């Protein structure tokens, strides 16, 4: 695939097809970091920690913070 650098206001821009963004896992309004190394432009999405509310929503609003949790069988030299 090829694209062109075009004028965009007082800057220049490159349009990327929706399919390319989907393959990269990018969404609209994602904040991307731009790095340049040896003539290669790399776009990466910054890792963003989820808020407590976002984490709770992923579990249907239930965090189950009380009680015991089964961590599985002991590994290594753990004593239970």
Protein backbone atom coordinates (compact mmCIF):
# COMPACT_ATOMS: atom_id res chain seq x y z
CA UNK A 1 0.00 0.00 0.00
CA UNK A 2 1.15 3.50 -0.71
CA UNK A 3 0.01 6.87 0.57
CA UNK A 4 1.16 10.46 0.10
CA UNK A 5 2.21 13.23 2.42
CA UNK A 6 -0.30 16.05 1.91
CA UNK A 7 -0.70 19.58 3.19
CA UNK A 8 -3.03 19.78 6.20
CA UNK A 9 -3.45 23.36 7.38
CA UNK A 10 0.02 24.66 8.24
CA UNK A 11 1.32 21.10 8.65
CA UNK A 12 1.60 17.96 6.58
CA UNK A 13 -0.32 14.74 7.13
CA UNK A 14 -0.65 11.14 6.01
CA UNK A 15 -4.06 9.47 5.78
CA UNK A 16 -4.26 5.86 6.90
CA UNK A 17 -7.15 3.61 5.84
CA UNK A 18 -9.49 2.30 8.52
CA UNK A 19 -8.31 -1.26 7.87
CA UNK A 20 -4.70 -0.30 8.60
CA UNK A 21 -5.69 1.33 11.88
CA UNK A 22 -7.73 -1.74 12.84
CA UNK A 23 -4.79 -4.05 12.07
CA UNK A 24 -2.60 -1.89 14.33
CA UNK A 25 -5.25 -1.87 17.07
CA UNK A 26 -5.71 1.90 16.89
CA UNK A 27 -9.06 3.62 17.42
CA UNK A 28 -10.33 7.11 16.71
CA UNK A 29 -8.97 9.69 19.15
CA UNK A 30 -6.19 7.39 20.44
CA UNK A 31 -3.16 9.36 21.57
CA UNK A 32 -0.09 8.07 19.76
CA UNK A 33 3.61 8.54 20.38
CA UNK A 34 5.71 9.32 17.32
CA UNK A 35 9.29 8.06 17.22
CA UNK A 36 11.75 8.37 14.35
CA UNK A 37 14.74 6.08 14.01
CA UNK A 38 16.94 5.65 10.92
CA UNK A 39 14.33 7.25 8.66
CA UNK A 40 11.49 5.05 9.98
CA UNK A 41 8.44 6.69 11.59
CA UNK A 42 6.88 4.56 14.33
CA UNK A 43 3.45 5.24 15.81
CA UNK A 44 2.72 3.57 19.13
CA UNK A 45 -0.18 3.88 21.53
CA UNK A 46 0.78 4.79 25.06
CA UNK A 47 -0.15 2.27 27.74
CA UNK A 48 -2.90 3.69 29.90
CA UNK A 49 -3.83 2.19 33.25
CA UNK A 50 -7.53 1.58 33.70
CA UNK A 51 -9.37 3.46 36.42
CA UNK A 52 -11.09 1.56 39.23
CA UNK A 53 -14.42 2.34 37.58
CA UNK A 54 -13.23 0.90 34.24
CA UNK A 55 -11.98 -2.23 35.97
CA UNK A 56 -15.25 -2.64 37.90
CA UNK A 57 -17.26 -2.23 34.68
CA UNK A 58 -15.26 -5.08 33.11
CA UNK A 59 -16.52 -7.36 35.91
CA UNK A 60 -20.13 -6.25 35.74
CA UNK A 61 -19.61 -3.83 38.62
CA UNK A 62 -18.49 -6.57 41.03
CA UNK A 63 -14.91 -6.48 42.29
CA UNK A 64 -15.30 -9.16 45.01
CA UNK A 65 -12.71 -7.55 47.27
CA UNK A 66 -13.74 -9.41 50.43
CA UNK A 67 -13.20 -13.05 51.30
CA UNK A 68 -10.52 -15.48 50.24
CA UNK A 69 -9.14 -15.97 46.79
CA UNK A 70 -7.95 -19.29 45.38
CA UNK A 71 -4.48 -18.70 43.90
CA UNK A 72 -4.12 -22.35 42.85
CA UNK A 73 -1.63 -24.95 43.97
CA UNK A 74 1.65 -23.88 45.61
CA UNK A 75 4.63 -23.54 43.28
CA UNK A 76 8.26 -23.71 44.23
CA UNK A 77 9.10 -23.56 47.95
CA UNK A 78 5.88 -21.93 49.14
CA UNK A 79 4.47 -23.20 52.40
CA UNK A 80 0.69 -23.29 52.80
